[in-house]
PDB file of N, CA and C in Angstrom:
ATOM      1  N   MET A   1       0.793  -1.213   0.015  1.00  0.00           N
ATOM      2  CA  MET A   1       0.002  -0.032  -0.004  1.00  0.00           C
ATOM      3  C   MET A   1       0.863   1.289   0.013  1.00  0.00           C
ATOM      4  N   ALA A   2       1.997   1.185   0.626  1.00  0.00           N
ATOM      5  CA  ALA A   2       2.912   2.343   0.673  1.00  0.00           C
ATOM      6  C   ALA A   2       3.397   2.767  -0.757  1.00  0.00           C
ATOM      7  N   ARG A   3       3.542   1.801  -1.609  1.00  0.00           N
ATOM      8  CA  ARG A   3       4.008   2.113  -2.949  1.00  0.00           C
ATOM      9  C   ARG A   3       3.002   2.918  -3.758  1.00  0.00           C
ATOM     10  N   GLY A   4       1.695   2.559  -3.523  1.00  0.00           N
ATOM     11  CA  GLY A   4       0.617   3.323  -4.166  1.00  0.00           C
ATOM     12  C   GLY A   4       0.610   4.737  -3.838  1.00  0.00           C
ATOM     13  N   HIS A   5       0.905   5.060  -2.543  1.00  0.00           N
ATOM     14  CA  HIS A   5       1.018   6.452  -2.100  1.00  0.00           C
ATOM     15  C   HIS A   5       2.198   7.178  -2.680  1.00  0.00           C
ATOM     16  N   GLN A   6       3.338   6.478  -2.808  1.00  0.00           N
ATOM     17  CA  GLN A   6       4.494   7.087  -3.416  1.00  0.00           C
ATOM     18  C   GLN A   6       4.236   7.362  -4.888  1.00  0.00           C
ATOM     19  N   LYS A   7       3.506   6.473  -5.550  1.00  0.00           N
ATOM     20  CA  LYS A   7       3.226   6.686  -6.924  1.00  0.00           C
ATOM     21  C   LYS A   7       2.385   7.961  -7.151  1.00  0.00           C
ATOM     22  N   ILE A   8       1.363   8.132  -6.333  1.00  0.00           N
ATOM     23  CA  ILE A   8       0.540   9.286  -6.431  1.00  0.00           C
ATOM     24  C   ILE A   8       1.372  10.565  -6.203  1.00  0.00           C
ATOM     25  N   GLN A   9       2.223  10.503  -5.182  1.00  0.00           N
ATOM     26  CA  GLN A   9       3.023  11.669  -4.855  1.00  0.00           C
ATOM     27  C   GLN A   9       3.997  11.975  -5.978  1.00  0.00           C
ATOM     28  N   SER A  10       4.547  10.993  -6.621  1.00  0.00           N
ATOM     29  CA  SER A  10       5.428  11.169  -7.766  1.00  0.00           C
ATOM     30  C   SER A  10       4.750  11.751  -8.933  1.00  0.00           C
ATOM     31  N   GLN A  11       3.466  11.292  -9.204  1.00  0.00           N
ATOM     32  CA  GLN A  11       2.680  11.805 -10.319  1.00  0.00           C
ATOM     33  C   GLN A  11       2.356  13.314 -10.077  1.00  0.00           C
ATOM     34  N   GLN A  12       1.992  13.636  -8.845  1.00  0.00           N
ATOM     35  CA  GLN A  12       1.705  15.029  -8.523  1.00  0.00           C
ATOM     36  C   GLN A  12       2.928  15.930  -8.681  1.00  0.00           C
ATOM     37  N   LYS A  13       4.055  15.425  -8.205  1.00  0.00           N
ATOM     38  CA  LYS A  13       5.316  16.191  -8.388  1.00  0.00           C
ATOM     39  C   LYS A  13       5.680  16.430  -9.811  1.00  0.00           C
ATOM     40  N   ASN A  14       5.499  15.314 -10.619  1.00  0.00           N
ATOM     41  CA  ASN A  14       5.785  15.405 -12.025  1.00  0.00           C
ATOM     42  C   ASN A  14       4.845  16.418 -12.713  1.00  0.00           C
ATOM     43  N   ALA A  15       3.531  16.339 -12.363  1.00  0.00           N
ATOM     44  CA  ALA A  15       2.558  17.265 -13.004  1.00  0.00           C
ATOM     45  C   ALA A  15       2.895  18.728 -12.642  1.00  0.00           C
ATOM     46  N   LYS A  16       3.373  19.017 -11.430  1.00  0.00           N
ATOM     47  CA  LYS A  16       3.743  20.318 -11.032  1.00  0.00           C
ATOM     48  C   LYS A  16       4.986  20.834 -11.812  1.00  0.00           C
ATOM     49  N   LYS A  17       5.929  19.897 -11.917  1.00  0.00           N
ATOM     50  CA  LYS A  17       7.168  20.192 -12.704  1.00  0.00           C
ATOM     51  C   LYS A  17       6.812  20.504 -14.123  1.00  0.00           C
ATOM     52  N   GLN A  18       5.969  19.729 -14.754  1.00  0.00           N
ATOM     53  CA  GLN A  18       5.542  19.930 -16.136  1.00  0.00           C
ATOM     54  C   GLN A  18       4.807  21.264 -16.319  1.00  0.00           C
ATOM     55  N   ALA A  19       3.968  21.619 -15.347  1.00  0.00           N
ATOM     56  CA  ALA A  19       3.248  22.905 -15.429  1.00  0.00           C
ATOM     57  C   ALA A  19       4.197  24.044 -15.399  1.00  0.00           C
ATOM     58  N   GLU A  20       5.195  23.990 -14.492  1.00  0.00           N
ATOM     59  CA  GLU A  20       6.188  25.058 -14.415  1.00  0.00           C
ATOM     60  C   GLU A  20       7.013  25.168 -15.669  1.00  0.00           C
ATOM     61  N   ALA A  21       7.343  24.081 -16.266  1.00  0.00           N
ATOM     62  CA  ALA A  21       8.107  24.091 -17.570  1.00  0.00           C
ATOM     63  C   ALA A  21       7.209  24.716 -18.655  1.00  0.00           C
ATOM     64  N   LYS A  22       5.973  24.371 -18.642  1.00  0.00           N
ATOM     65  CA  LYS A  22       5.060  24.945 -19.655  1.00  0.00           C
ATOM     66  C   LYS A  22       4.927  26.500 -19.512  1.00  0.00           C
ATOM     67  N   LYS A  23       4.849  26.977 -18.306  1.00  0.00           N
ATOM     68  CA  LYS A  23       4.775  28.389 -18.030  1.00  0.00           C
ATOM     69  C   LYS A  23       5.995  29.109 -18.515  1.00  0.00           C
ATOM     70  N   SER A  24       7.154  28.558 -18.295  1.00  0.00           N
ATOM     71  CA  SER A  24       8.387  29.252 -18.645  1.00  0.00           C
ATOM     72  C   SER A  24       8.566  29.246 -20.165  1.00  0.00           C
ATOM     73  N   LYS A  25       8.019  28.328 -20.836  1.00  0.00           N
ATOM     74  CA  LYS A  25       8.132  28.259 -22.246  1.00  0.00           C
ATOM     75  C   LYS A  25       7.293  29.396 -22.938  1.00  0.00           C
ATOM     76  N   GLY A  26       6.196  29.787 -22.346  1.00  0.00           N
ATOM     77  CA  GLY A  26       5.368  30.839 -22.859  1.00  0.00           C
ATOM     78  C   GLY A  26       6.092  32.094 -23.148  1.00  0.00           C
ATOM     79  N   HIS A  27       7.025  32.472 -22.332  1.00  0.00           N
ATOM     80  CA  HIS A  27       7.785  33.755 -22.530  1.00  0.00           C
ATOM     81  C   HIS A  27       8.801  33.606 -23.632  1.00  0.00           C
ATOM     82  N   ASP A  28       9.303  32.430 -23.882  1.00  0.00           N
ATOM     83  CA  ASP A  28      10.332  32.248 -24.916  1.00  0.00           C
ATOM     84  C   ASP A  28       9.712  32.379 -26.369  1.00  0.00           C
ATOM     85  N   GLN A  29       8.373  32.181 -26.488  1.00  0.00           N
ATOM     86  CA  GLN A  29       7.781  32.286 -27.836  1.00  0.00           C
ATOM     87  C   GLN A  29       7.867  33.749 -28.325  1.00  0.00           C
ATOM     88  N   LYS A  30       7.719  34.668 -27.505  1.00  0.00           N
ATOM     89  CA  LYS A  30       7.847  36.088 -27.958  1.00  0.00           C
ATOM     90  C   LYS A  30       9.296  36.386 -28.366  1.00  0.00           C
ATOM     91  N   ALA A  31      10.201  35.940 -27.651  1.00  0.00           N
ATOM     92  CA  ALA A  31      11.617  36.150 -28.026  1.00  0.00           C
ATOM     93  C   ALA A  31      11.980  35.412 -29.249  1.00  0.00           C
ATOM     94  N   ALA A  32      11.504  34.297 -29.474  1.00  0.00           N
ATOM     95  CA  ALA A  32      11.739  33.498 -30.660  1.00  0.00           C
ATOM     96  C   ALA A  32      11.121  34.187 -31.900  1.00  0.00           C
ATOM     97  N   ALA A  33       9.922  34.673 -31.740  1.00  0.00           N
ATOM     98  CA  ALA A  33       9.235  35.348 -32.821  1.00  0.00           C
ATOM     99  C   ALA A  33       9.955  36.608 -33.215  1.00  0.00           C
ATOM    100  N   LYS A  34      10.407  37.311 -32.186  1.00  0.00           N
ATOM    101  CA  LYS A  34      11.157  38.532 -32.484  1.00  0.00           C
ATOM    102  C   LYS A  34      12.492  38.278 -33.168  1.00  0.00           C
ATOM    103  N   ALA A  35      13.123  37.182 -32.754  1.00  0.00           N
ATOM    104  CA  ALA A  35      14.447  36.841 -33.343  1.00  0.00           C
ATOM    105  C   ALA A  35      14.283  36.372 -34.801  1.00  0.00           C
ATOM    106  N   ALA A  36      13.096  35.880 -35.119  1.00  0.00           N
ATOM    107  CA  ALA A  36      12.839  35.409 -36.470  1.00  0.00           C
ATOM    108  C   ALA A  36      12.705  36.523 -37.486  1.00  0.00           C
ATOM    109  N   LEU A  37      12.445  37.697 -37.038  1.00  0.00           N
ATOM    110  CA  LEU A  37      12.262  38.839 -37.910  1.00  0.00           C
ATOM    111  C   LEU A  37      13.636  39.424 -38.189  1.00  0.00           C
ATOM    112  N   VAL A  38      14.317  38.958 -39.219  1.00  0.00           N
ATOM    113  CA  VAL A  38      15.718  39.335 -39.487  1.00  0.00           C
ATOM    114  C   VAL A  38      15.824  40.354 -40.592  1.00  0.00           C
ATOM    115  N   TYR A  39      14.874  40.584 -41.426  1.00  0.00           N
ATOM    116  CA  TYR A  39      14.953  41.553 -42.535  1.00  0.00           C
ATOM    117  C   TYR A  39      14.200  42.791 -42.158  1.00  0.00           C
ATOM    118  N   THR A  40      14.805  43.974 -42.249  1.00  0.00           N
ATOM    119  CA  THR A  40      14.176  45.240 -41.955  1.00  0.00           C
ATOM    120  C   THR A  40      14.137  46.103 -43.159  1.00  0.00           C
ATOM    121  N   CYS A  41      12.943  46.592 -43.493  1.00  0.00           N
ATOM    122  CA  CYS A  41      12.788  47.512 -44.581  1.00  0.00           C
ATOM    123  C   CYS A  41      13.436  48.847 -44.333  1.00  0.00           C
ATOM    124  N   ALA A  42      14.275  49.353 -45.194  1.00  0.00           N
ATOM    125  CA  ALA A  42      15.023  50.567 -44.978  1.00  0.00           C
ATOM    126  C   ALA A  42      14.072  51.764 -45.106  1.00  0.00           C
ATOM    127  N   VAL A  43      12.976  51.656 -45.789  1.00  0.00           N
ATOM    128  CA  VAL A  43      12.126  52.782 -45.993  1.00  0.00           C
ATOM    129  C   VAL A  43      11.094  52.976 -44.844  1.00  0.00           C
ATOM    130  N   CYS A  44      10.444  51.889 -44.398  1.00  0.00           N
ATOM    131  CA  CYS A  44       9.447  52.019 -43.352  1.00  0.00           C
ATOM    132  C   CYS A  44       9.737  51.307 -42.037  1.00  0.00           C
ATOM    133  N   ARG A  45      10.905  50.689 -41.979  1.00  0.00           N
ATOM    134  CA  ARG A  45      11.373  50.005 -40.788  1.00  0.00           C
ATOM    135  C   ARG A  45      10.536  48.773 -40.311  1.00  0.00           C
ATOM    136  N   THR A  46       9.772  48.204 -41.305  1.00  0.00           N
ATOM    137  CA  THR A  46       8.984  47.083 -40.991  1.00  0.00           C
ATOM    138  C   THR A  46       9.918  45.852 -40.986  1.00  0.00           C
ATOM    139  N   GLN A  47       9.687  44.885 -40.136  1.00  0.00           N
ATOM    140  CA  GLN A  47      10.485  43.732 -40.062  1.00  0.00           C
ATOM    141  C   GLN A  47       9.783  42.535 -40.709  1.00  0.00           C
ATOM    142  N   MET A  48      10.554  41.691 -41.440  1.00  0.00           N
ATOM    143  CA  MET A  48      10.025  40.510 -42.104  1.00  0.00           C
ATOM    144  C   MET A  48      10.892  39.305 -41.816  1.00  0.00           C
ATOM    145  N   PRO A  49      10.304  38.106 -41.853  1.00  0.00           N
ATOM    146  CA  PRO A  49      11.014  36.893 -41.512  1.00  0.00           C
ATOM    147  C   PRO A  49      11.928  36.331 -42.645  1.00  0.00           C
ATOM    148  N   ASP A  50      11.581  36.587 -43.894  1.00  0.00           N
ATOM    149  CA  ASP A  50      12.356  35.985 -45.000  1.00  0.00           C
ATOM    150  C   ASP A  50      12.469  36.917 -46.216  1.00  0.00           C
ATOM    151  N   PRO A  51      13.401  36.625 -47.052  1.00  0.00           N
ATOM    152  CA  PRO A  51      13.634  37.550 -48.148  1.00  0.00           C
ATOM    153  C   PRO A  51      12.447  37.549 -49.191  1.00  0.00           C
ATOM    154  N   LYS A  52      11.771  36.457 -49.360  1.00  0.00           N
ATOM    155  CA  LYS A  52      10.655  36.427 -50.242  1.00  0.00           C
ATOM    156  C   LYS A  52       9.534  37.389 -49.805  1.00  0.00           C
ATOM    157  N   THR A  53       9.246  37.337 -48.572  1.00  0.00           N
ATOM    158  CA  THR A  53       8.240  38.253 -48.040  1.00  0.00           C
ATOM    159  C   THR A  53       8.699  39.691 -48.115  1.00  0.00           C
ATOM    160  N   PHE A  54       9.967  39.881 -47.851  1.00  0.00           N
ATOM    161  CA  PHE A  54      10.590  41.233 -47.877  1.00  0.00           C
ATOM    162  C   PHE A  54      10.419  41.816 -49.235  1.00  0.00           C
ATOM    163  N   LYS A  55      10.711  40.982 -50.286  1.00  0.00           N
ATOM    164  CA  LYS A  55      10.610  41.467 -51.702  1.00  0.00           C
ATOM    165  C   LYS A  55       9.159  41.790 -52.018  1.00  0.00           C
ATOM    166  N   GLN A  56       8.222  40.958 -51.645  1.00  0.00           N
ATOM    167  CA  GLN A  56       6.849  41.169 -51.891  1.00  0.00           C
ATOM    168  C   GLN A  56       6.376  42.457 -51.233  1.00  0.00           C
ATOM    169  N   HIS A  57       6.812  42.673 -50.023  1.00  0.00           N
ATOM    170  CA  HIS A  57       6.496  43.907 -49.272  1.00  0.00           C
ATOM    171  C   HIS A  57       7.087  45.134 -50.032  1.00  0.00           C
ATOM    172  N   PHE A  58       8.294  45.016 -50.454  1.00  0.00           N
ATOM    173  CA  PHE A  58       8.952  46.192 -51.034  1.00  0.00           C
ATOM    174  C   PHE A  58       8.265  46.483 -52.434  1.00  0.00           C
ATOM    175  N   GLU A  59       7.957  45.486 -53.194  1.00  0.00           N
ATOM    176  CA  GLU A  59       7.330  45.725 -54.476  1.00  0.00           C
ATOM    177  C   GLU A  59       5.953  46.308 -54.341  1.00  0.00           C
ATOM    178  N   SER A  60       5.142  45.935 -53.268  1.00  0.00           N
ATOM    179  CA  SER A  60       3.786  46.454 -53.142  1.00  0.00           C
ATOM    180  C   SER A  60       3.754  47.776 -52.385  1.00  0.00           C
ATOM    181  N   LYS A  61       4.585  47.987 -51.465  1.00  0.00           N
ATOM    182  CA  LYS A  61       4.559  49.190 -50.614  1.00  0.00           C
ATOM    183  C   LYS A  61       5.404  50.350 -51.086  1.00  0.00           C
ATOM    184  N   HIS A  62       6.515  50.009 -51.763  1.00  0.00           N
ATOM    185  CA  HIS A  62       7.522  51.049 -52.188  1.00  0.00           C
ATOM    186  C   HIS A  62       7.835  50.857 -53.652  1.00  0.00           C
ATOM    187  N   PRO A  63       6.844  50.886 -54.548  1.00  0.00           N
ATOM    188  CA  PRO A  63       7.230  50.608 -55.962  1.00  0.00           C
ATOM    189  C   PRO A  63       8.146  51.657 -56.640  1.00  0.00           C
ATOM    190  N   LYS A  64       8.189  52.909 -56.119  1.00  0.00           N
ATOM    191  CA  LYS A  64       8.989  53.939 -56.756  1.00  0.00           C
ATOM    192  C   LYS A  64      10.374  54.027 -56.182  1.00  0.00           C
ATOM    193  N   SER A  65      10.570  53.334 -55.028  1.00  0.00           N
ATOM    194  CA  SER A  65      11.923  53.330 -54.411  1.00  0.00           C
ATOM    195  C   SER A  65      12.814  52.317 -55.144  1.00  0.00           C
ATOM    196  N   PRO A  66      14.075  52.573 -55.231  1.00  0.00           N
ATOM    197  CA  PRO A  66      14.974  51.543 -55.824  1.00  0.00           C
ATOM    198  C   PRO A  66      15.057  50.293 -54.981  1.00  0.00           C
ATOM    199  N   MET A  67      15.153  49.147 -55.675  1.00  0.00           N
ATOM    200  CA  MET A  67      15.161  47.860 -54.969  1.00  0.00           C
ATOM    201  C   MET A  67      16.512  47.690 -54.211  1.00  0.00           C
ATOM    202  N   PRO A  68      16.543  47.324 -52.993  1.00  0.00           N
ATOM    203  CA  PRO A  68      17.824  47.059 -52.289  1.00  0.00           C
ATOM    204  C   PRO A  68      18.583  45.946 -53.010  1.00  0.00           C
ATOM    205  N   PRO A  69      19.906  46.020 -52.984  1.00  0.00           N
ATOM    206  CA  PRO A  69      20.741  45.003 -53.736  1.00  0.00           C
ATOM    207  C   PRO A  69      20.545  43.611 -53.234  1.00  0.00           C
ATOM    208  N   GLU A  70      20.157  43.372 -51.944  1.00  0.00           N
ATOM    209  CA  GLU A  70      20.027  42.032 -51.462  1.00  0.00           C
ATOM    210  C   GLU A  70      18.709  41.356 -51.977  1.00  0.00           C
ATOM    211  N   LEU A  71      17.788  42.136 -52.543  1.00  0.00           N
ATOM    212  CA  LEU A  71      16.570  41.636 -53.018  1.00  0.00           C
ATOM    213  C   LEU A  71      16.523  41.432 -54.566  1.00  0.00           C
ATOM    214  N   VAL A  72      17.551  41.833 -55.238  1.00  0.00           N
ATOM    215  CA  VAL A  72      17.485  41.808 -56.709  1.00  0.00           C
ATOM    216  C   VAL A  72      17.414  40.412 -57.226  1.00  0.00           C
ATOM    217  N   ASP A  73      18.159  39.446 -56.676  1.00  0.00           N
ATOM    218  CA  ASP A  73      18.131  38.047 -57.190  1.00  0.00           C
ATOM    219  C   ASP A  73      17.150  37.131 -56.473  1.00  0.00           C
ATOM    220  N   VAL A  74      16.327  37.678 -55.560  1.00  0.00           N
ATOM    221  CA  VAL A  74      15.389  36.874 -54.835  1.00  0.00           C
ATOM    222  C   VAL A  74      14.110  36.708 -55.679  1.00  0.00           C
ATOM    223  N   GLU A  75      13.617  35.456 -55.777  1.00  0.00           N
ATOM    224  CA  GLU A  75      12.362  35.201 -56.531  1.00  0.00           C
ATOM    225  C   GLU A  75      11.131  35.304 -55.652  1.00  0.00           C
ATOM    226  N   ALA A  76      10.233  36.102 -55.960  1.00  0.00           N
ATOM    227  CA  ALA A  76       9.022  36.235 -55.093  1.00  0.00           C
ATOM    228  C   ALA A  76       7.851  35.398 -55.627  1.00  0.00           C
TER     229      ALA A  76
END
């Protein structure tokens, strides 16, 4: 009977540990999302995650501005 009590205690301890780990991960998502925005538009300072999106943004929002050299060979 003592082993049954230890099992319940162990499960409760593990559940508490998992809940704390889940809480701490919630804050990392914001930091990860911010780190993923690596391209910044020189005209409007908008941040984008990849060069394809950056080129699409630049073509639609700033058609009269000259294309940055890093976007010339990117296929959108």
